[in-house]
């Protein structure tokens, strides 16, 4: 199965290299999704992610591991009916609720 790793704000795909190595050793096919929030808009990034997830879903079931802003991007990308849903989603530090303030 394919696993997509999506980093958080001010990070790069390199932050997931240790995890990627372990996943690959366990037999998973790992794909990194990179972005630079200071270069592209949120909508542009989520559109690129949507396209990558769609292409990947054509190969079979997939899972996603996200950190922080990566989780918000994933939620935006999956909000479109054209993207088949992942089998597994692991969110690390994604702000899924509004702050109390």
C-alpha atoms as a PDB file:
ATOM      1  CA  UNK A   1       0.000   0.000   0.000  1.00  0.00           C
ATOM      2  CA  UNK A   2       1.089   3.568  -0.651  1.00  0.00           C
ATOM      3  CA  UNK A   3       1.607   6.017   2.212  1.00  0.00           C
ATOM      4  CA  UNK A   4       1.754   9.789   1.657  1.00  0.00           C
ATOM      5  CA  UNK A   5       3.691  11.905   4.164  1.00  0.00           C
ATOM      6  CA  UNK A   6       2.734  15.590   4.403  1.00  0.00           C
ATOM      7  CA  UNK A   7       4.831  17.905   6.584  1.00  0.00           C
ATOM      8  CA  UNK A   8       3.736  20.934   8.591  1.00  0.00           C
ATOM      9  CA  UNK A   9       4.315  24.660   8.181  1.00  0.00           C
ATOM     10  CA  UNK A  10       7.977  25.756   8.020  1.00  0.00           C
ATOM     11  CA  UNK A  11       9.081  22.137   7.601  1.00  0.00           C
ATOM     12  CA  UNK A  12      10.226  20.087   4.644  1.00  0.00           C
ATOM     13  CA  UNK A  13       9.747  16.473   3.593  1.00  0.00           C
ATOM     14  CA  UNK A  14      13.112  15.807   5.305  1.00  0.00           C
ATOM     15  CA  UNK A  15      11.397  15.904   8.714  1.00  0.00           C
ATOM     16  CA  UNK A  16       9.659  12.635   7.801  1.00  0.00           C
ATOM     17  CA  UNK A  17      12.783  10.830   6.531  1.00  0.00           C
ATOM     18  CA  UNK A  18      13.214   8.695   9.680  1.00  0.00           C
ATOM     19  CA  UNK A  19       9.561   7.613   9.532  1.00  0.00           C
ATOM     20  CA  UNK A  20       9.774   7.057   5.779  1.00  0.00           C
ATOM     21  CA  UNK A  21      12.749   4.754   6.257  1.00  0.00           C
ATOM     22  CA  UNK A  22      10.901   2.672   8.826  1.00  0.00           C
ATOM     23  CA  UNK A  23       7.778   2.463   6.685  1.00  0.00           C
ATOM     24  CA  UNK A  24       9.795   1.398   3.649  1.00  0.00           C
ATOM     25  CA  UNK A  25      11.603  -1.235   5.715  1.00  0.00           C
ATOM     26  CA  UNK A  26       8.193  -2.584   6.698  1.00  0.00           C
ATOM     27  CA  UNK A  27       7.215  -2.891   3.028  1.00  0.00           C
ATOM     28  CA  UNK A  28       5.136   0.250   2.461  1.00  0.00           C
ATOM     29  CA  UNK A  29       5.603   2.460  -0.611  1.00  0.00           C
ATOM     30  CA  UNK A  30       6.253   5.983   0.680  1.00  0.00           C
ATOM     31  CA  UNK A  31       5.533   9.248  -1.142  1.00  0.00           C
ATOM     32  CA  UNK A  32       6.378  12.718   0.131  1.00  0.00           C
ATOM     33  CA  UNK A  33       4.245  15.765  -0.596  1.00  0.00           C
ATOM     34  CA  UNK A  34       6.196  18.986  -0.252  1.00  0.00           C
ATOM     35  CA  UNK A  35       5.092  22.594  -0.305  1.00  0.00           C
ATOM     36  CA  UNK A  36       6.313  26.068   0.622  1.00  0.00           C
ATOM     37  CA  UNK A  37       3.473  28.073   2.179  1.00  0.00           C
ATOM     38  CA  UNK A  38       5.324  31.340   1.576  1.00  0.00           C
ATOM     39  CA  UNK A  39       5.398  30.700  -2.193  1.00  0.00           C
ATOM     40  CA  UNK A  40       1.993  29.149  -2.928  1.00  0.00           C
ATOM     41  CA  UNK A  41      -1.466  29.912  -1.588  1.00  0.00           C
ATOM     42  CA  UNK A  42      -3.360  27.407   0.534  1.00  0.00           C
ATOM     43  CA  UNK A  43      -5.726  26.766  -2.375  1.00  0.00           C
ATOM     44  CA  UNK A  44      -2.873  26.149  -4.823  1.00  0.00           C
ATOM     45  CA  UNK A  45      -1.217  23.689  -2.461  1.00  0.00           C
ATOM     46  CA  UNK A  46      -4.440  21.816  -1.714  1.00  0.00           C
ATOM     47  CA  UNK A  47      -5.171  21.606  -5.469  1.00  0.00           C
ATOM     48  CA  UNK A  48      -1.734  20.053  -6.095  1.00  0.00           C
ATOM     49  CA  UNK A  49      -2.308  17.662  -3.206  1.00  0.00           C
ATOM     50  CA  UNK A  50      -5.732  16.732  -4.571  1.00  0.00           C
ATOM     51  CA  UNK A  51      -4.142  15.889  -7.926  1.00  0.00           C
ATOM     52  CA  UNK A  52      -1.407  13.780  -6.317  1.00  0.00           C
ATOM     53  CA  UNK A  53      -3.893  11.890  -4.148  1.00  0.00           C
ATOM     54  CA  UNK A  54      -6.119  11.201  -7.138  1.00  0.00           C
ATOM     55  CA  UNK A  55      -3.195   9.790  -9.153  1.00  0.00           C
ATOM     56  CA  UNK A  56      -2.051   7.708  -6.207  1.00  0.00           C
ATOM     57  CA  UNK A  57      -5.556   6.369  -5.565  1.00  0.00           C
ATOM     58  CA  UNK A  58      -5.576   4.960  -9.091  1.00  0.00           C
ATOM     59  CA  UNK A  59      -2.810   2.569  -7.973  1.00  0.00           C
ATOM     60  CA  UNK A  60      -4.931   1.142  -5.146  1.00  0.00           C
ATOM     61  CA  UNK A  61      -5.617   1.886  -1.489  1.00  0.00           C
ATOM     62  CA  UNK A  62      -3.468   4.475   0.219  1.00  0.00           C
ATOM     63  CA  UNK A  63      -2.897   5.992   3.636  1.00  0.00           C
ATOM     64  CA  UNK A  64      -1.721   9.416   4.779  1.00  0.00           C
ATOM     65  CA  UNK A  65       0.407  10.662   7.695  1.00  0.00           C
ATOM     66  CA  UNK A  66       0.259  14.420   8.249  1.00  0.00           C
ATOM     67  CA  UNK A  67       1.678  16.982  10.633  1.00  0.00           C
ATOM     68  CA  UNK A  68       0.036  20.282  11.593  1.00  0.00           C
ATOM     69  CA  UNK A  69      -0.798  22.341   8.482  1.00  0.00           C
ATOM     70  CA  UNK A  70      -0.421  19.174   6.425  1.00  0.00           C
ATOM     71  CA  UNK A  71      -3.608  17.927   8.076  1.00  0.00           C
ATOM     72  CA  UNK A  72      -5.517  21.067   7.138  1.00  0.00           C
ATOM     73  CA  UNK A  73      -4.312  20.732   3.561  1.00  0.00           C
ATOM     74  CA  UNK A  74      -5.414  17.097   3.525  1.00  0.00           C
ATOM     75  CA  UNK A  75      -8.870  17.966   4.828  1.00  0.00           C
ATOM     76  CA  UNK A  76      -9.235  20.631   2.124  1.00  0.00           C
ATOM     77  CA  UNK A  77      -8.074  18.241  -0.605  1.00  0.00           C
ATOM     78  CA  UNK A  78     -10.359  15.414   0.532  1.00  0.00           C
ATOM     79  CA  UNK A  79     -13.318  17.780   0.663  1.00  0.00           C
ATOM     80  CA  UNK A  80     -13.633  17.379  -3.085  1.00  0.00           C
ATOM     81  CA  UNK A  81     -15.808  14.518  -4.340  1.00  0.00           C
ATOM     82  CA  UNK A  82     -13.268  13.674  -7.050  1.00  0.00           C
ATOM     83  CA  UNK A  83     -10.672  12.315  -4.611  1.00  0.00           C
ATOM     84  CA  UNK A  84     -11.118   8.752  -3.322  1.00  0.00           C
ATOM     85  CA  UNK A  85     -10.722   8.653   0.465  1.00  0.00           C
ATOM     86  CA  UNK A  86      -7.616   7.111   2.056  1.00  0.00           C
ATOM     87  CA  UNK A  87      -7.866   3.867   3.997  1.00  0.00           C
ATOM     88  CA  UNK A  88      -5.902   5.293   6.952  1.00  0.00           C
ATOM     89  CA  UNK A  89      -5.188   8.850   8.145  1.00  0.00           C
ATOM     90  CA  UNK A  90      -2.803   9.680  10.994  1.00  0.00           C
ATOM     91  CA  UNK A  91      -2.818  13.323  12.101  1.00  0.00           C
ATOM     92  CA  UNK A  92       0.019  14.608  14.287  1.00  0.00           C
ATOM     93  CA  UNK A  93      -0.643  17.999  15.862  1.00  0.00           C
ATOM     94  CA  UNK A  94      -3.273  19.064  13.349  1.00  0.00           C
ATOM     95  CA  UNK A  95      -5.472  21.884  14.695  1.00  0.00           C
ATOM     96  CA  UNK A  96      -8.837  20.226  14.041  1.00  0.00           C
ATOM     97  CA  UNK A  97     -10.692  22.486  16.477  1.00  0.00           C
ATOM     98  CA  UNK A  98     -10.786  26.242  16.846  1.00  0.00           C
ATOM     99  CA  UNK A  99      -8.807  27.681  19.750  1.00  0.00           C
ATOM    100  CA  UNK A 100     -10.908  28.721  22.764  1.00  0.00           C
ATOM    101  CA  UNK A 101      -9.951  32.359  22.298  1.00  0.00           C
END
